[in-house]
């Protein structure tokens, strides 16, 4: 899995308006060794994406992640959806989540991103591609 930090700017402001935490895209890749050089993240224009409010399981800090809505169940269990964000305690095995916003991939075109695999690498872009599958 790859993680891309969303840079807050005019294009991505709608994402940040829905959360008070850092925003990251989570994406699957078959070539993780290329992550430090990635200059773009491809999204499907007609795929529905979800902004999910949760907590980082390692730092316990609040975080918002973007995943394809159809794949939410691959990252989070139904039990986690029943938990309240306000009641989370660092170290809990089950980490709560809540879907804050949904939208089509076409709306993300042009978001500025930074790969977390190499924080010193220059910024990349979120781009639409027809070959993106789930």
N, C-alpha and C. Protein backbone atom coordinates (compact mmCIF):
# COMPACT_ATOMS: atom_id res chain seq x y z
N UNK A 1 0.84 -1.16 0.00
CA UNK A 1 0.00 0.00 0.00
C UNK A 1 0.89 1.23 0.00
N UNK A 2 0.44 2.27 -0.68
CA UNK A 2 1.15 3.54 -0.73
C UNK A 2 0.30 4.61 -0.06
N UNK A 3 0.99 5.59 0.49
CA UNK A 3 0.29 6.69 1.16
C UNK A 3 0.79 7.99 0.56
N UNK A 4 -0.15 8.85 0.16
CA UNK A 4 0.19 10.14 -0.42
C UNK A 4 -0.44 11.24 0.41
N UNK A 5 0.34 12.17 0.86
CA UNK A 5 -0.14 13.30 1.63
C UNK A 5 -0.75 14.33 0.68
N UNK A 6 -1.95 14.81 1.01
CA UNK A 6 -2.60 15.83 0.19
C UNK A 6 -2.12 17.20 0.67
N UNK A 7 -1.66 18.01 -0.25
CA UNK A 7 -1.22 19.36 0.07
C UNK A 7 -2.44 20.28 0.03
N UNK A 8 -2.62 21.06 1.08
CA UNK A 8 -3.77 21.95 1.15
C UNK A 8 -3.56 23.14 0.22
N UNK A 9 -4.49 23.31 -0.71
CA UNK A 9 -4.48 24.45 -1.62
C UNK A 9 -5.91 24.67 -2.10
N UNK A 10 -6.11 25.57 -3.05
CA UNK A 10 -7.47 25.90 -3.50
C UNK A 10 -8.20 24.69 -4.05
N UNK A 11 -7.51 23.81 -4.77
CA UNK A 11 -8.17 22.64 -5.36
C UNK A 11 -8.61 21.62 -4.30
N UNK A 12 -7.83 21.43 -3.26
CA UNK A 12 -8.13 20.41 -2.25
C UNK A 12 -8.90 20.95 -1.05
N UNK A 13 -9.22 22.20 -1.05
CA UNK A 13 -9.86 22.82 0.12
C UNK A 13 -11.14 22.11 0.53
N UNK A 14 -11.90 21.55 -0.39
CA UNK A 14 -13.14 20.85 -0.04
C UNK A 14 -12.87 19.65 0.86
N UNK A 15 -11.73 18.98 0.66
CA UNK A 15 -11.37 17.87 1.54
C UNK A 15 -11.07 18.36 2.95
N UNK A 16 -10.28 19.41 3.03
CA UNK A 16 -9.86 19.91 4.34
C UNK A 16 -11.02 20.59 5.08
N UNK A 17 -12.00 21.07 4.35
CA UNK A 17 -13.17 21.67 4.99
C UNK A 17 -13.99 20.62 5.73
N UNK A 18 -13.84 19.35 5.35
CA UNK A 18 -14.62 18.27 5.96
C UNK A 18 -13.89 17.59 7.12
N UNK A 19 -12.68 18.05 7.45
CA UNK A 19 -11.91 17.39 8.51
C UNK A 19 -10.98 18.39 9.18
N UNK A 20 -10.50 18.03 10.35
CA UNK A 20 -9.52 18.87 11.05
C UNK A 20 -8.18 18.14 11.19
N UNK A 21 -7.96 17.14 10.35
CA UNK A 21 -6.75 16.33 10.43
C UNK A 21 -6.01 16.33 9.09
N UNK A 22 -4.78 15.82 9.11
CA UNK A 22 -4.03 15.64 7.87
C UNK A 22 -4.81 14.68 6.97
N UNK A 23 -4.69 14.87 5.65
CA UNK A 23 -5.41 14.03 4.69
C UNK A 23 -4.39 13.27 3.84
N UNK A 24 -4.63 11.95 3.71
CA UNK A 24 -3.77 11.08 2.93
C UNK A 24 -4.60 10.21 2.01
N UNK A 25 -4.16 10.01 0.77
CA UNK A 25 -4.74 9.00 -0.12
C UNK A 25 -4.04 7.69 0.20
N UNK A 26 -4.80 6.60 0.30
CA UNK A 26 -4.24 5.26 0.42
C UNK A 26 -4.45 4.58 -0.92
N UNK A 27 -3.40 3.99 -1.46
CA UNK A 27 -3.49 3.37 -2.78
C UNK A 27 -2.68 2.08 -2.81
N UNK A 28 -3.17 1.13 -3.56
CA UNK A 28 -2.47 -0.13 -3.75
C UNK A 28 -1.52 0.01 -4.92
N UNK A 29 -0.35 -0.58 -4.80
CA UNK A 29 0.60 -0.59 -5.90
C UNK A 29 1.24 -1.96 -6.01
N UNK A 30 1.55 -2.36 -7.22
CA UNK A 30 2.26 -3.62 -7.42
C UNK A 30 3.76 -3.38 -7.56
N UNK A 31 4.17 -2.12 -7.54
CA UNK A 31 5.59 -1.80 -7.69
C UNK A 31 6.03 -0.82 -6.59
N UNK A 32 6.09 -1.27 -5.35
CA UNK A 32 6.42 -0.36 -4.24
C UNK A 32 7.81 0.26 -4.34
N UNK A 33 8.73 -0.38 -5.05
CA UNK A 33 10.08 0.17 -5.17
C UNK A 33 10.11 1.46 -5.99
N UNK A 34 9.03 1.76 -6.70
CA UNK A 34 8.98 3.00 -7.49
C UNK A 34 8.40 4.17 -6.71
N UNK A 35 7.88 3.95 -5.51
CA UNK A 35 7.19 5.00 -4.77
C UNK A 35 8.00 6.29 -4.58
N UNK A 36 9.28 6.23 -4.25
CA UNK A 36 10.00 7.48 -4.05
C UNK A 36 10.03 8.38 -5.29
N UNK A 37 9.87 7.81 -6.46
CA UNK A 37 9.92 8.59 -7.70
C UNK A 37 8.54 8.92 -8.27
N UNK A 38 7.48 8.47 -7.63
CA UNK A 38 6.15 8.71 -8.17
C UNK A 38 5.86 10.21 -8.23
N UNK A 39 5.40 10.64 -9.38
CA UNK A 39 5.05 12.04 -9.57
C UNK A 39 3.55 12.22 -9.74
N UNK A 40 2.79 11.12 -9.68
CA UNK A 40 1.34 11.22 -9.84
C UNK A 40 0.65 10.03 -9.19
N UNK A 41 -0.60 10.24 -8.84
CA UNK A 41 -1.47 9.18 -8.34
C UNK A 41 -2.68 9.15 -9.27
N UNK A 42 -2.90 8.02 -9.91
CA UNK A 42 -4.03 7.89 -10.84
C UNK A 42 -5.30 7.53 -10.08
N UNK A 43 -6.40 8.22 -10.42
CA UNK A 43 -7.71 7.93 -9.85
C UNK A 43 -8.68 7.66 -10.99
N UNK A 44 -9.72 6.89 -10.70
CA UNK A 44 -10.76 6.63 -11.69
C UNK A 44 -11.81 7.73 -11.63
N UNK A 45 -12.09 8.36 -12.75
CA UNK A 45 -13.02 9.49 -12.78
C UNK A 45 -14.41 9.12 -12.28
N UNK A 46 -14.87 7.90 -12.54
CA UNK A 46 -16.22 7.51 -12.14
C UNK A 46 -16.26 6.70 -10.84
N UNK A 47 -15.11 6.45 -10.24
CA UNK A 47 -15.05 5.72 -8.97
C UNK A 47 -15.42 6.67 -7.83
N UNK A 48 -16.24 6.18 -6.91
CA UNK A 48 -16.60 6.98 -5.74
C UNK A 48 -15.53 6.79 -4.67
N UNK A 49 -15.03 7.90 -4.15
CA UNK A 49 -14.02 7.89 -3.10
C UNK A 49 -14.64 8.39 -1.81
N UNK A 50 -14.05 7.98 -0.68
CA UNK A 50 -14.56 8.38 0.63
C UNK A 50 -13.43 8.98 1.46
N UNK A 51 -13.75 10.08 2.14
CA UNK A 51 -12.85 10.68 3.11
C UNK A 51 -13.23 10.10 4.46
N UNK A 52 -12.29 9.42 5.09
CA UNK A 52 -12.56 8.70 6.33
C UNK A 52 -11.76 9.31 7.47
N UNK A 53 -12.47 9.66 8.51
CA UNK A 53 -11.85 10.20 9.73
C UNK A 53 -11.55 9.03 10.65
N UNK A 54 -10.31 8.93 11.12
CA UNK A 54 -9.91 7.83 11.99
C UNK A 54 -8.67 8.26 12.77
N UNK A 55 -7.90 7.30 13.23
CA UNK A 55 -6.67 7.57 13.96
C UNK A 55 -5.54 6.73 13.38
N UNK A 56 -4.34 7.29 13.37
CA UNK A 56 -3.17 6.56 12.93
C UNK A 56 -2.90 5.45 13.96
N UNK A 57 -2.81 4.19 13.53
CA UNK A 57 -2.63 3.09 14.49
C UNK A 57 -1.26 3.05 15.16
N UNK A 58 -0.31 3.82 14.67
CA UNK A 58 1.04 3.83 15.23
C UNK A 58 1.30 5.05 16.11
N UNK A 59 0.81 6.21 15.67
CA UNK A 59 1.02 7.45 16.44
C UNK A 59 -0.19 7.81 17.29
N UNK A 60 -1.33 7.21 16.98
CA UNK A 60 -2.61 7.47 17.66
C UNK A 60 -3.14 8.88 17.40
N UNK A 61 -2.54 9.59 16.46
CA UNK A 61 -2.97 10.94 16.11
C UNK A 61 -4.17 10.87 15.17
N UNK A 62 -5.06 11.87 15.22
CA UNK A 62 -6.18 11.92 14.27
C UNK A 62 -5.65 12.03 12.85
N UNK A 63 -6.34 11.37 11.93
CA UNK A 63 -5.95 11.39 10.52
C UNK A 63 -7.19 11.19 9.67
N UNK A 64 -7.15 11.71 8.47
CA UNK A 64 -8.21 11.44 7.49
C UNK A 64 -7.57 10.79 6.29
N UNK A 65 -8.18 9.71 5.82
CA UNK A 65 -7.64 8.98 4.68
C UNK A 65 -8.70 8.90 3.58
N UNK A 66 -8.22 8.85 2.36
CA UNK A 66 -9.09 8.73 1.20
C UNK A 66 -8.88 7.36 0.60
N UNK A 67 -9.98 6.62 0.43
CA UNK A 67 -9.95 5.31 -0.22
C UNK A 67 -11.18 5.21 -1.12
N UNK A 68 -11.12 4.31 -2.08
CA UNK A 68 -12.30 4.05 -2.90
C UNK A 68 -13.39 3.52 -1.97
N UNK A 69 -14.59 4.06 -2.08
CA UNK A 69 -15.66 3.69 -1.16
C UNK A 69 -15.91 2.18 -1.18
N UNK A 70 -15.83 1.59 -2.33
CA UNK A 70 -16.06 0.15 -2.47
C UNK A 70 -15.03 -0.68 -1.67
N UNK A 71 -13.89 -0.08 -1.36
CA UNK A 71 -12.82 -0.81 -0.65
C UNK A 71 -12.72 -0.46 0.83
N UNK A 72 -13.62 0.33 1.35
CA UNK A 72 -13.57 0.70 2.77
C UNK A 72 -13.51 -0.55 3.65
N UNK A 73 -14.29 -1.57 3.31
CA UNK A 73 -14.32 -2.81 4.08
C UNK A 73 -13.01 -3.58 4.06
N UNK A 74 -12.11 -3.27 3.14
CA UNK A 74 -10.80 -3.91 3.09
C UNK A 74 -9.84 -3.29 4.12
N UNK A 75 -10.11 -2.04 4.48
CA UNK A 75 -9.25 -1.32 5.42
C UNK A 75 -9.83 -1.27 6.83
N UNK A 76 -11.16 -1.29 6.94
CA UNK A 76 -11.84 -1.12 8.22
C UNK A 76 -12.91 -2.19 8.38
N UNK A 77 -13.09 -2.68 9.62
CA UNK A 77 -14.11 -3.69 9.89
C UNK A 77 -15.42 -3.02 10.30
N UNK A 78 -16.54 -3.71 10.11
CA UNK A 78 -17.84 -3.16 10.54
C UNK A 78 -17.87 -2.82 12.03
N UNK A 79 -17.15 -3.58 12.85
CA UNK A 79 -17.10 -3.29 14.29
C UNK A 79 -16.52 -1.91 14.55
N UNK A 80 -15.56 -1.51 13.75
CA UNK A 80 -14.94 -0.20 13.93
C UNK A 80 -15.91 0.94 13.64
N UNK A 81 -16.83 0.71 12.72
CA UNK A 81 -17.81 1.75 12.36
C UNK A 81 -18.77 2.03 13.51
N UNK A 82 -18.96 1.06 14.38
CA UNK A 82 -19.87 1.22 15.51
C UNK A 82 -19.25 2.03 16.65
N UNK A 83 -17.93 2.18 16.64
CA UNK A 83 -17.23 2.89 17.71
C UNK A 83 -17.30 4.40 17.49
N UNK A 84 -17.27 5.14 18.58
CA UNK A 84 -17.32 6.61 18.50
C UNK A 84 -15.90 7.17 18.51
N UNK A 85 -15.65 8.10 17.60
CA UNK A 85 -14.34 8.74 17.52
C UNK A 85 -13.98 9.41 18.84
N UNK A 86 -14.96 10.02 19.49
CA UNK A 86 -14.73 10.78 20.72
C UNK A 86 -14.30 9.88 21.88
N UNK A 87 -14.59 8.60 21.80
CA UNK A 87 -14.27 7.68 22.89
C UNK A 87 -12.98 6.90 22.68
N UNK A 88 -12.29 7.17 21.57
CA UNK A 88 -11.06 6.45 21.28
C UNK A 88 -9.98 6.75 22.30
N UNK A 89 -9.27 5.72 22.74
CA UNK A 89 -8.13 5.83 23.65
C UNK A 89 -6.90 5.28 22.93
N UNK A 90 -5.80 6.03 22.92
CA UNK A 90 -4.58 5.53 22.27
C UNK A 90 -4.24 4.12 22.76
N UNK A 91 -3.93 3.26 21.81
CA UNK A 91 -3.58 1.89 22.13
C UNK A 91 -4.73 0.91 21.98
N UNK A 92 -5.96 1.41 21.83
CA UNK A 92 -7.10 0.50 21.63
C UNK A 92 -6.85 -0.34 20.38
N UNK A 93 -7.22 -1.62 20.45
CA UNK A 93 -7.03 -2.52 19.31
C UNK A 93 -7.97 -2.15 18.16
N UNK A 94 -9.22 -1.83 18.48
CA UNK A 94 -10.18 -1.41 17.46
C UNK A 94 -10.17 0.11 17.37
N UNK A 95 -9.90 0.59 16.17
CA UNK A 95 -9.82 2.03 15.96
C UNK A 95 -11.06 2.49 15.21
N UNK A 96 -11.79 3.45 15.76
CA UNK A 96 -13.04 3.89 15.12
C UNK A 96 -12.78 4.64 13.81
N UNK A 97 -13.80 4.67 12.98
CA UNK A 97 -13.73 5.47 11.76
C UNK A 97 -15.13 5.98 11.42
N UNK A 98 -15.13 7.05 10.63
CA UNK A 98 -16.40 7.61 10.18
C UNK A 98 -16.18 8.19 8.78
N UNK A 99 -17.10 7.89 7.88
CA UNK A 99 -17.03 8.47 6.54
C UNK A 99 -17.55 9.90 6.63
N UNK A 100 -16.69 10.85 6.26
CA UNK A 100 -17.01 12.27 6.36
C UNK A 100 -17.56 12.85 5.06
N UNK A 101 -17.12 12.29 3.93
CA UNK A 101 -17.47 12.89 2.63
C UNK A 101 -17.27 11.84 1.55
N UNK A 102 -18.07 11.93 0.49
CA UNK A 102 -17.92 11.07 -0.69
C UNK A 102 -17.95 11.94 -1.94
N UNK A 103 -17.25 11.50 -2.99
CA UNK A 103 -17.21 12.23 -4.25
C UNK A 103 -16.66 11.33 -5.33
N UNK A 104 -16.81 11.74 -6.56
CA UNK A 104 -16.27 11.01 -7.71
C UNK A 104 -14.82 11.42 -7.95
N UNK A 105 -14.05 10.49 -8.47
CA UNK A 105 -12.64 10.73 -8.73
C UNK A 105 -12.36 11.92 -9.63
N UNK A 106 -13.29 12.23 -10.52
CA UNK A 106 -13.10 13.37 -11.42
C UNK A 106 -12.86 14.67 -10.65
N UNK A 107 -13.40 14.76 -9.44
CA UNK A 107 -13.25 15.97 -8.63
C UNK A 107 -11.86 16.11 -8.03
N UNK A 108 -11.07 15.06 -8.04
CA UNK A 108 -9.74 15.13 -7.44
C UNK A 108 -8.65 15.51 -8.44
N UNK A 109 -9.01 15.65 -9.69
CA UNK A 109 -8.01 15.94 -10.72
C UNK A 109 -7.26 17.22 -10.38
N UNK A 110 -5.94 17.12 -10.32
CA UNK A 110 -5.11 18.28 -10.07
C UNK A 110 -4.72 18.50 -8.63
N UNK A 111 -5.22 17.68 -7.70
CA UNK A 111 -4.78 17.82 -6.31
C UNK A 111 -3.27 17.68 -6.27
N UNK A 112 -2.63 18.45 -5.43
CA UNK A 112 -1.18 18.35 -5.25
C UNK A 112 -0.91 17.37 -4.12
N UNK A 113 0.01 16.43 -4.39
CA UNK A 113 0.31 15.36 -3.44
C UNK A 113 1.81 15.28 -3.19
N UNK A 114 2.13 14.61 -2.10
CA UNK A 114 3.53 14.28 -1.82
C UNK A 114 3.56 12.83 -1.36
N UNK A 115 4.42 12.04 -1.95
CA UNK A 115 4.53 10.65 -1.51
C UNK A 115 5.19 10.62 -0.14
N UNK A 116 4.68 9.81 0.75
CA UNK A 116 5.27 9.72 2.08
C UNK A 116 6.47 8.79 2.08
N UNK A 117 6.74 8.12 0.97
CA UNK A 117 7.91 7.24 0.86
C UNK A 117 9.19 8.06 0.76
N UNK A 118 9.07 9.30 0.33
CA UNK A 118 10.23 10.17 0.20
C UNK A 118 9.80 11.61 0.43
N UNK A 119 9.82 12.08 1.67
CA UNK A 119 9.33 13.42 1.97
C UNK A 119 10.11 14.54 1.30
N UNK A 120 11.33 14.25 0.83
CA UNK A 120 12.11 15.29 0.18
C UNK A 120 11.83 15.37 -1.32
N UNK A 121 11.10 14.40 -1.86
CA UNK A 121 10.83 14.39 -3.30
C UNK A 121 9.84 15.49 -3.65
N UNK A 122 9.95 16.02 -4.85
CA UNK A 122 9.06 17.09 -5.28
C UNK A 122 7.61 16.62 -5.31
N UNK A 123 6.73 17.57 -5.31
CA UNK A 123 5.30 17.29 -5.29
C UNK A 123 4.83 16.67 -6.59
N UNK A 124 3.76 15.88 -6.48
CA UNK A 124 3.14 15.26 -7.63
C UNK A 124 1.71 15.71 -7.75
N UNK A 125 0.97 15.08 -8.64
CA UNK A 125 -0.42 15.45 -8.90
C UNK A 125 -1.32 14.23 -8.87
N UNK A 126 -2.57 14.48 -8.59
CA UNK A 126 -3.61 13.48 -8.69
C UNK A 126 -4.19 13.62 -10.11
N UNK A 127 -4.19 12.54 -10.88
CA UNK A 127 -4.64 12.61 -12.26
C UNK A 127 -5.68 11.51 -12.54
N UNK A 128 -6.56 11.75 -13.50
CA UNK A 128 -7.57 10.76 -13.89
C UNK A 128 -7.01 9.86 -14.98
N UNK A 129 -7.30 8.57 -14.82
CA UNK A 129 -6.91 7.61 -15.85
C UNK A 129 -8.02 6.57 -15.99
N UNK A 130 -8.29 6.19 -17.22
CA UNK A 130 -9.38 5.25 -17.49
C UNK A 130 -9.06 3.83 -17.07
N UNK A 131 -7.80 3.50 -16.90
CA UNK A 131 -7.41 2.13 -16.56
C UNK A 131 -7.38 1.84 -15.05
N UNK A 132 -7.79 2.80 -14.23
CA UNK A 132 -7.82 2.57 -12.79
C UNK A 132 -8.93 1.60 -12.47
N UNK A 133 -8.59 0.54 -11.74
CA UNK A 133 -9.57 -0.47 -11.34
C UNK A 133 -9.49 -0.68 -9.83
N UNK A 134 -10.51 -1.35 -9.32
CA UNK A 134 -10.52 -1.62 -7.88
C UNK A 134 -10.13 -3.04 -7.61
